[in-house]
Amino acid sequence: MRILMLAPEPFFTPRGTPFSVLHRLKALSDLGHQVDLVTYPFGEDVALPGVRIVRCARPPGVRSVPIGPSLRKIWLDLSLYQTARRLLRSERYDVVHTHEEASLIGAWWQKRYGLPHLYDMHSLLSQQMHNFGVPLARVAAWVWRGFERWAIRHTRALIAICDELAHVVRRLRPDLPYEVIENVGVAEFIEQVSDDEVRRVRQAVNPDGHYLVAYIGTFEPYQGLDMLLEAIARWKADSDGSAVRWVLAGVEPERYAEWADRLRALDLEDCVRLLPRMSPQEAAALQKAADLLVSPRRAGTNTPLKIYSYLAAGRPILATRHPTHTQVLTDEVALLVEPSAEGLLAGLRYALGHPDEVERRARRAVEYFRARYSYAAYLEKTARIVEVAARREGAKAIG
């Protein structure tokens, strides 16, 4: 079938939702569908059979787009809508598959024209208003809760990336067909990493061969990196700090100076290394090179993509006992601690003091990942929900 996909992100860049979009496209391509992807005018082109990337126009003065809500996204989304509208007038599609706030476009087209809408729900956009600290967050969240409910009412089917989001959907619309399709595709890069690449990365970031703790992800407030830095500072104060090296990878170039200043203020420059956003292959090599992988998340609903690649990497995991993690991680496969600096510090001490136990959990993590998150299951669920969404009833001409 022919699918019009709307992705209001800089596709492709190696971060959260663009990764998810990439793997949705790969699955749809493998299933034999034809997809026109309308996305922002930023990012790298990706070649997949049956997939055409159509970029919207760049609004004047907009040269990049930050993670999270912003005024720039409003202008970009208007441009994306205009581009998608032109395609819709000239082409015939069986389904409109939307991501994030583009769900409002798909919902409107389903309501107005009867065009089947598949809503790919990556997060609660209302919750993002708080997570990213937007001005008047409480009011913005209230507005977006109304938008979310409206989009859920006007979709034929829905994909939720985690159980917590599915719970919200069931509460708002119990009759809506949905599938929980986790963002497990990012783990494919783990399988492609060679031992030589792992050794090279470890030597580059940790030439002295210390115990290596790695965080890989964005540097937004909800990720809990302030708690992690406090835990590292306490660790260093309680010891000479020489036994452990920390790598925090994924800082945006425009925020590097800010985070370097934080390290200086805490006297952590000698034991913490900042790295920019990495390619998927580099991130996978770093994950396999680490002695401990950490995710200090303290807010949000959706499971971070990094958790799936952490599981697949087969390295010990230290994560906060927060719903974003516990809907996937258990005490059998990870070291779960309270979401605080004290909890993270206690987890580090446990990992250093009980190496055999955390390695056992890491081995169980790989088995758990392979048993629960196969690509065959991903494909099956994708095929099923697209077929449900494509059932067309009372479609109208689009003028």
Protein backbone atom coordinates (compact mmCIF):
# COMPACT_ATOMS: atom_id res chain seq x y z
CA MET A 1 0.00 0.00 0.00
CA ARG A 2 0.96 3.65 -0.31
CA ILE A 3 1.67 5.51 2.91
CA LEU A 4 2.17 9.22 3.53
CA MET A 5 4.33 9.60 6.63
CA LEU A 6 4.71 12.93 8.44
CA ALA A 7 7.74 13.26 10.72
CA PRO A 8 8.26 16.73 12.27
CA GLU A 9 11.90 16.06 13.07
CA PRO A 10 15.32 16.62 11.49
CA PHE A 11 15.50 13.26 9.75
CA PHE A 12 17.92 11.63 9.91
CA THR A 13 19.92 12.72 12.93
CA PRO A 14 21.12 10.22 15.56
CA ARG A 15 18.69 11.00 18.36
CA GLY A 16 15.41 9.71 19.82
CA THR A 17 12.43 10.07 17.50
CA PRO A 18 14.44 10.15 14.23
CA PHE A 19 15.81 6.72 15.19
CA SER A 20 12.26 5.49 15.68
CA VAL A 21 11.17 6.96 12.34
CA LEU A 22 14.12 5.26 10.63
CA HIS A 23 13.16 1.85 11.94
CA ARG A 24 9.47 2.33 11.12
CA LEU A 25 10.54 3.14 7.56
CA LYS A 26 12.81 0.11 7.40
CA ALA A 27 10.00 -2.17 8.57
CA LEU A 28 7.49 -0.71 6.12
CA SER A 29 10.05 -1.05 3.34
CA ASP A 30 10.75 -4.68 4.27
CA LEU A 31 6.99 -5.32 4.24
CA GLY A 32 6.81 -4.05 0.65
CA HIS A 33 4.96 -0.78 1.21
CA GLN A 34 5.63 2.48 -0.65
CA VAL A 35 6.25 5.42 1.69
CA ASP A 36 6.53 9.15 1.04
CA LEU A 37 8.14 10.72 4.10
CA VAL A 38 7.55 14.45 4.63
CA THR A 39 10.06 15.83 7.10
CA TYR A 40 12.12 18.89 8.05
CA PRO A 41 14.78 20.42 5.74
CA PHE A 42 17.57 19.21 8.06
CA GLY A 43 19.25 15.84 8.46
CA GLU A 44 20.84 13.18 6.30
CA ASP A 45 19.06 11.35 3.51
CA VAL A 46 18.62 7.61 4.01
CA ALA A 47 18.18 5.23 1.07
CA LEU A 48 15.58 2.49 1.59
CA PRO A 49 13.65 0.58 -1.10
CA GLY A 50 10.23 2.09 -1.67
CA VAL A 51 10.90 5.16 0.50
CA ARG A 52 10.97 8.71 -0.87
CA ILE A 53 12.04 11.59 1.37
CA VAL A 54 10.31 14.92 0.70
CA ARG A 55 11.66 17.85 2.71
CA CYS A 56 9.55 20.88 3.51
CA ALA A 57 10.82 24.39 2.79
CA ARG A 58 13.07 26.04 5.35
CA PRO A 59 11.36 29.08 6.90
CA PRO A 60 13.44 32.29 6.71
CA GLY A 61 15.92 32.56 9.55
CA VAL A 62 15.51 28.94 10.71
CA ARG A 63 18.82 27.12 10.32
CA SER A 64 18.43 24.32 12.87
CA VAL A 65 15.90 22.87 15.28
CA PRO A 66 16.59 22.09 18.94
CA ILE A 67 15.33 19.04 20.80
CA GLY A 68 11.92 19.62 22.34
CA PRO A 69 9.23 22.30 21.90
CA SER A 70 10.27 25.62 20.35
CA LEU A 71 8.95 28.51 18.27
CA ARG A 72 11.08 27.29 15.39
CA LYS A 73 9.10 24.05 15.32
CA ILE A 74 5.86 25.98 14.85
CA TRP A 75 7.16 27.57 11.64
CA LEU A 76 8.65 24.29 10.47
CA ASP A 77 5.40 22.43 11.16
CA LEU A 78 3.44 24.95 9.10
CA SER A 79 5.87 24.40 6.24
CA LEU A 80 5.61 20.62 6.68
CA TYR A 81 1.80 20.85 6.53
CA GLN A 82 1.92 22.81 3.28
CA THR A 83 4.28 20.29 1.68
CA ALA A 84 2.18 17.33 2.81
CA ARG A 85 -0.99 19.03 1.60
CA ARG A 86 0.47 19.45 -1.89
CA LEU A 87 1.36 15.75 -2.00
CA LEU A 88 -2.08 14.78 -0.79
CA ARG A 89 -3.68 16.72 -3.65
CA SER A 90 -1.54 15.07 -6.32
CA GLU A 91 -1.16 11.51 -4.99
CA ARG A 92 -3.45 8.83 -3.59
CA TYR A 93 -2.52 7.28 -0.25
CA ASP A 94 -4.00 4.42 1.73
CA VAL A 95 -2.82 5.65 5.13
CA VAL A 96 -1.40 8.80 6.71
CA HIS A 97 1.16 7.71 9.32
CA THR A 98 2.05 10.56 11.69
CA HIS A 99 4.65 11.09 14.40
CA GLU A 100 4.44 13.37 17.43
CA GLU A 101 2.59 16.68 16.84
CA ALA A 102 1.93 15.82 13.18
CA SER A 103 -0.83 13.63 14.64
CA LEU A 104 -2.97 16.78 14.63
CA ILE A 105 -2.66 16.95 10.84
CA GLY A 106 -3.53 13.29 10.41
CA ALA A 107 -6.46 13.59 12.80
CA TRP A 108 -7.83 16.59 10.89
CA TRP A 109 -7.51 14.82 7.54
CA GLN A 110 -9.28 11.74 8.88
CA LYS A 111 -12.08 13.86 10.33
CA ARG A 112 -12.40 16.09 7.24
CA TYR A 113 -11.75 13.61 4.41
CA GLY A 114 -12.06 10.15 5.96
CA LEU A 115 -8.40 9.44 5.16
CA PRO A 116 -7.20 6.62 7.46
CA HIS A 117 -4.84 7.93 10.13
CA LEU A 118 -2.21 5.91 12.02
CA TYR A 119 -0.89 7.83 15.04
CA ASP A 120 2.66 6.85 16.08
CA MET A 121 2.79 8.01 19.71
CA HIS A 122 6.34 8.47 20.99
CA SER A 123 5.56 10.51 24.09
CA LEU A 124 2.96 12.58 25.87
CA LEU A 125 3.44 15.99 24.28
CA SER A 126 1.66 17.55 27.26
CA GLN A 127 4.31 16.07 29.53
CA GLN A 128 7.09 17.45 27.34
CA MET A 129 6.00 20.96 28.28
CA HIS A 130 7.14 20.20 31.84
CA ASN A 131 10.16 18.06 30.85
CA PHE A 132 11.64 20.84 28.72
CA GLY A 133 10.65 23.67 31.05
CA VAL A 134 8.76 25.72 28.47
CA PRO A 135 7.32 29.08 29.61
CA LEU A 136 3.89 28.73 31.22
CA ALA A 137 4.39 24.96 31.22
CA ARG A 138 1.21 24.24 33.18
CA VAL A 139 -0.96 26.15 30.70
CA ALA A 140 0.87 24.67 27.69
CA ALA A 141 0.45 21.16 29.11
CA TRP A 142 -3.28 21.73 29.60
CA VAL A 143 -3.64 22.85 25.97
CA TRP A 144 -1.66 19.87 24.69
CA ARG A 145 -3.69 17.41 26.74
CA GLY A 146 -6.70 18.63 24.79
CA PHE A 147 -4.84 18.22 21.50
CA GLU A 148 -3.73 14.69 22.45
CA ARG A 149 -7.27 13.62 23.29
CA TRP A 150 -8.53 15.05 20.00
CA ALA A 151 -5.80 13.28 17.99
CA ILE A 152 -6.56 9.97 19.73
CA ARG A 153 -10.27 10.37 18.98
CA HIS A 154 -9.56 10.92 15.29
CA THR A 155 -7.19 8.10 14.44
CA ARG A 156 -8.02 4.69 12.98
CA ALA A 157 -5.23 2.93 14.89
CA LEU A 158 -2.27 3.81 17.10
CA ILE A 159 1.29 2.73 17.82
CA ALA A 160 2.56 3.27 21.37
CA ILE A 161 6.28 2.88 21.98
CA CYS A 162 5.84 1.68 25.58
CA ASP A 163 3.27 0.27 27.99
CA GLU A 164 2.83 3.55 29.88
CA LEU A 165 1.64 5.31 26.73
CA ALA A 166 -0.62 2.38 25.89
CA HIS A 167 -2.19 2.71 29.34
CA VAL A 168 -3.01 6.36 28.60
CA VAL A 169 -4.57 5.40 25.27
CA ARG A 170 -6.70 2.63 26.82
CA ARG A 171 -8.00 5.07 29.42
CA LEU A 172 -8.91 7.74 26.86
CA ARG A 173 -10.30 5.47 24.14
CA PRO A 174 -10.78 1.81 25.13
CA ASP A 175 -12.07 0.79 21.68
CA LEU A 176 -9.03 2.04 19.72
CA PRO A 177 -6.90 -0.67 18.03
CA TYR A 178 -3.26 -0.25 19.03
CA GLU A 179 0.06 -2.04 19.15
CA VAL A 180 2.94 -1.51 21.55
CA ILE A 181 5.99 -1.46 19.27
CA GLU A 182 9.13 -0.69 21.22
CA ASN A 183 12.05 1.22 19.71
CA VAL A 184 14.30 -1.80 19.57
CA GLY A 185 15.73 -1.24 16.09
CA VAL A 186 18.52 0.93 17.47
CA ALA A 187 20.10 -2.23 18.90
CA GLU A 188 20.92 -3.51 15.41
CA PHE A 189 24.09 -1.39 15.46
CA ILE A 190 25.33 -3.34 18.49
CA GLU A 191 25.42 -6.53 16.43
CA GLN A 192 27.46 -4.83 13.69
CA VAL A 193 30.30 -3.60 15.92
CA SER A 194 33.59 -5.48 15.63
CA ASP A 195 35.93 -6.26 18.51
CA ASP A 196 38.55 -4.04 16.87
CA GLU A 197 36.15 -1.07 16.93
CA VAL A 198 35.40 -1.68 20.60
CA ARG A 199 39.11 -1.77 21.46
CA ARG A 200 39.77 1.37 19.44
CA VAL A 201 37.01 3.33 21.17
CA ARG A 202 38.02 2.17 24.63
CA GLN A 203 41.62 3.17 23.99
CA ALA A 204 40.54 6.57 22.67
CA VAL A 205 38.28 7.50 25.60
CA ASN A 206 40.05 5.58 28.37
CA PRO A 207 43.74 5.19 27.51
CA ASP A 208 44.72 4.47 31.13
CA GLY A 209 42.43 1.46 31.34
CA HIS A 210 40.33 2.63 34.28
CA TYR A 211 36.85 1.33 35.09
CA LEU A 212 34.72 3.04 32.42
CA VAL A 213 31.19 4.33 33.04
CA ALA A 214 29.32 5.68 30.01
CA TYR A 215 26.17 7.71 29.46
CA ILE A 216 24.93 8.12 25.88
CA GLY A 217 21.96 10.35 25.09
CA THR A 218 20.68 13.90 25.13
CA PHE A 219 21.55 16.46 27.81
CA GLU A 220 18.03 17.69 28.55
CA PRO A 221 16.99 18.30 32.19
CA TYR A 222 14.69 15.28 32.42
CA GLN A 223 17.62 12.95 31.72
CA GLY A 224 18.87 13.48 35.28
CA LEU A 225 22.47 14.37 34.45
CA ASP A 226 22.55 16.90 37.28
CA MET A 227 21.95 14.02 39.72
CA LEU A 228 24.65 12.00 38.00
CA LEU A 229 27.21 14.81 38.27
CA GLU A 230 26.39 15.22 41.95
CA ALA A 231 26.92 11.49 42.46
CA ILE A 232 30.26 11.66 40.63
CA ALA A 233 31.34 14.63 42.76
CA ARG A 234 30.49 12.71 45.94
CA TRP A 235 32.33 9.67 44.64
CA LYS A 236 35.41 11.75 43.99
CA ALA A 237 35.19 13.40 47.44
CA ASP A 238 34.98 10.00 49.13
CA SER A 239 37.95 8.62 47.19
CA ASP A 240 40.74 9.98 45.07
CA GLY A 241 38.55 9.38 42.00
CA SER A 242 41.33 7.62 40.11
CA ALA A 243 39.59 4.26 39.85
CA VAL A 244 36.77 5.39 37.56
CA ARG A 245 36.50 7.34 34.33
CA TRP A 246 33.18 8.72 33.10
CA VAL A 247 32.13 9.49 29.54
CA LEU A 248 29.03 11.59 28.86
CA ALA A 249 28.31 11.41 25.14
CA GLY A 250 25.75 13.38 23.14
CA VAL A 251 26.25 17.02 24.12
CA GLU A 252 25.16 19.51 21.46
CA PRO A 253 27.99 21.75 20.14
CA GLU A 254 26.21 24.92 21.26
CA ARG A 255 25.94 23.56 24.81
CA TYR A 256 29.45 22.16 25.18
CA ALA A 257 30.80 25.25 26.96
CA GLU A 258 27.88 25.20 29.41
CA TRP A 259 28.55 21.60 30.41
CA ALA A 260 32.31 22.10 30.52
CA ASP A 261 31.69 24.95 32.98
CA ARG A 262 29.60 22.60 35.13
CA LEU A 263 32.43 20.10 35.24
CA ARG A 264 34.91 22.81 36.23
CA ALA A 265 32.60 24.09 38.97
CA LEU A 266 32.42 20.58 40.44
CA ASP A 267 36.15 19.90 39.89
CA LEU A 268 35.37 16.92 37.67
CA GLU A 269 37.41 17.78 34.58
CA ASP A 270 40.00 15.13 35.35
CA CYS A 271 37.56 12.20 35.60
CA VAL A 272 34.63 13.11 33.29
CA ARG A 273 34.94 13.43 29.54
CA LEU A 274 32.33 15.15 27.38
CA LEU A 275 31.76 13.85 23.87
CA PRO A 276 29.55 15.26 21.10
CA ARG A 277 26.64 13.43 19.55
CA MET A 278 27.92 10.19 18.05
CA SER A 279 26.98 8.19 14.99
CA PRO A 280 24.97 5.02 15.74
CA GLN A 281 28.05 2.91 15.03
CA GLU A 282 30.27 4.95 17.37
CA ALA A 283 27.63 4.88 20.12
CA ALA A 284 27.33 1.11 19.80
CA ALA A 285 31.10 0.67 20.08
CA LEU A 286 31.22 2.87 23.19
CA GLN A 287 28.39 0.90 24.80
CA LYS A 288 30.24 -2.36 24.28
CA ALA A 289 33.50 -0.81 25.51
CA ALA A 290 32.05 0.43 28.81
CA ASP A 291 32.26 -1.43 32.10
CA LEU A 292 28.99 0.15 33.24
CA LEU A 293 26.22 1.89 31.28
CA VAL A 294 24.17 4.47 33.14
CA SER A 295 20.74 6.06 32.57
CA PRO A 296 19.83 8.53 35.36
CA ARG A 297 16.43 9.51 33.89
CA ARG A 298 14.13 11.17 36.43
CA ALA A 299 11.07 12.27 34.43
CA GLY A 300 8.94 11.29 31.48
CA THR A 301 6.85 8.34 30.36
CA ASN A 302 8.48 6.83 27.29
CA THR A 303 11.32 4.35 27.60
CA PRO A 304 14.62 5.86 26.37
CA LEU A 305 15.92 4.26 23.18
CA LYS A 306 19.27 3.78 24.86
CA ILE A 307 17.78 1.17 27.18
CA TYR A 308 17.24 -1.29 24.34
CA SER A 309 20.77 -0.90 23.01
CA TYR A 310 22.12 -1.09 26.57
CA LEU A 311 20.38 -4.45 26.97
CA ALA A 312 21.71 -5.72 23.65
CA ALA A 313 25.27 -4.55 24.43
CA GLY A 314 25.67 -7.09 27.22
CA ARG A 315 27.30 -4.64 29.62
CA PRO A 316 26.12 -3.97 33.20
CA ILE A 317 23.35 -1.35 33.44
CA LEU A 318 22.82 1.19 36.23
CA ALA A 319 19.44 2.93 35.92
CA THR A 320 17.02 4.81 38.11
CA ARG A 321 13.96 2.99 39.39
CA HIS A 322 11.59 5.18 37.38
CA PRO A 323 8.63 4.07 35.22
CA THR A 324 10.52 5.07 32.08
CA HIS A 325 12.96 2.29 32.94
CA THR A 326 10.96 -0.22 34.97
CA GLN A 327 8.45 -0.91 32.20
CA VAL A 328 11.38 -2.65 30.47
CA LEU A 329 14.15 -3.22 33.03
CA THR A 330 13.95 -5.51 36.06
CA ASP A 331 16.30 -6.26 38.94
CA GLU A 332 17.21 -9.47 37.14
CA VAL A 333 18.85 -7.65 34.23
CA ALA A 334 19.91 -4.26 35.62
CA LEU A 335 21.01 -2.48 38.77
CA LEU A 336 18.00 -0.28 39.61
CA VAL A 337 18.41 2.52 42.16
CA GLU A 338 16.38 5.39 43.54
CA PRO A 339 16.31 8.47 41.25
CA SER A 340 18.68 10.60 43.31
CA ALA A 341 22.39 11.34 43.59
CA GLU A 342 22.50 9.10 46.65
CA GLY A 343 20.88 6.25 44.73
CA LEU A 344 23.26 6.57 41.78
CA LEU A 345 26.26 6.70 44.11
CA ALA A 346 25.07 3.59 45.93
CA GLY A 347 24.63 1.84 42.59
CA LEU A 348 28.15 2.70 41.49
CA ARG A 349 29.57 1.39 44.75
CA TYR A 350 27.59 -1.83 44.39
CA ALA A 351 28.77 -2.33 40.81
CA LEU A 352 32.41 -1.85 41.81
CA GLY A 353 32.05 -4.11 44.85
CA HIS A 354 30.11 -6.91 43.17
CA PRO A 355 31.55 -7.31 39.65
CA ASP A 356 30.50 -10.94 39.25
CA GLU A 357 26.86 -10.17 40.13
CA VAL A 358 26.51 -7.22 37.74
CA GLU A 359 28.13 -9.25 34.96
CA ARG A 360 25.58 -12.01 35.56
CA ARG A 361 22.80 -9.45 35.19
CA ALA A 362 24.40 -8.22 31.96
CA ARG A 363 24.40 -11.74 30.50
CA ARG A 364 20.77 -12.18 31.48
CA ALA A 365 20.02 -8.81 29.84
CA VAL A 366 21.21 -10.06 26.45
CA GLU A 367 19.09 -13.21 26.75
CA TYR A 368 16.09 -11.13 27.83
CA PHE A 369 16.50 -8.76 24.88
CA ARG A 370 16.79 -11.54 22.31
CA ALA A 371 13.77 -13.39 23.69
CA ARG A 372 11.46 -10.39 23.94
CA TYR A 373 12.47 -7.90 21.24
CA SER A 374 13.09 -9.74 17.98
CA TYR A 375 12.86 -7.98 14.62
CA ALA A 376 10.41 -10.64 13.45
CA ALA A 377 7.98 -9.60 16.21
CA TYR A 378 8.55 -5.93 15.31
CA LEU A 379 7.66 -6.64 11.68
CA GLU A 380 4.61 -8.69 12.59
CA LYS A 381 3.16 -5.98 14.83
CA THR A 382 3.90 -3.28 12.24
CA ALA A 383 2.17 -5.24 9.49
CA ARG A 384 -0.85 -5.89 11.68
CA ILE A 385 -1.45 -2.30 12.78
CA VAL A 386 -0.96 -0.86 9.27
CA GLU A 387 -3.58 -3.26 7.90
CA VAL A 388 -6.01 -2.22 10.63
CA ALA A 389 -5.37 1.48 9.99
CA ALA A 390 -5.88 1.16 6.23
CA ARG A 391 -9.54 0.19 6.45
CA ARG A 392 -11.14 3.08 4.61
CA GLU A 393 -14.69 4.16 5.39
CA GLY A 394 -16.50 6.97 3.64
CA ALA A 395 -13.47 8.75 2.17
CA LYS A 396 -14.09 12.15 0.59
CA ALA A 397 -12.35 13.91 -2.27
CA ILE A 398 -9.52 16.21 -1.25
CA GLY A 399 -9.66 19.53 -3.01
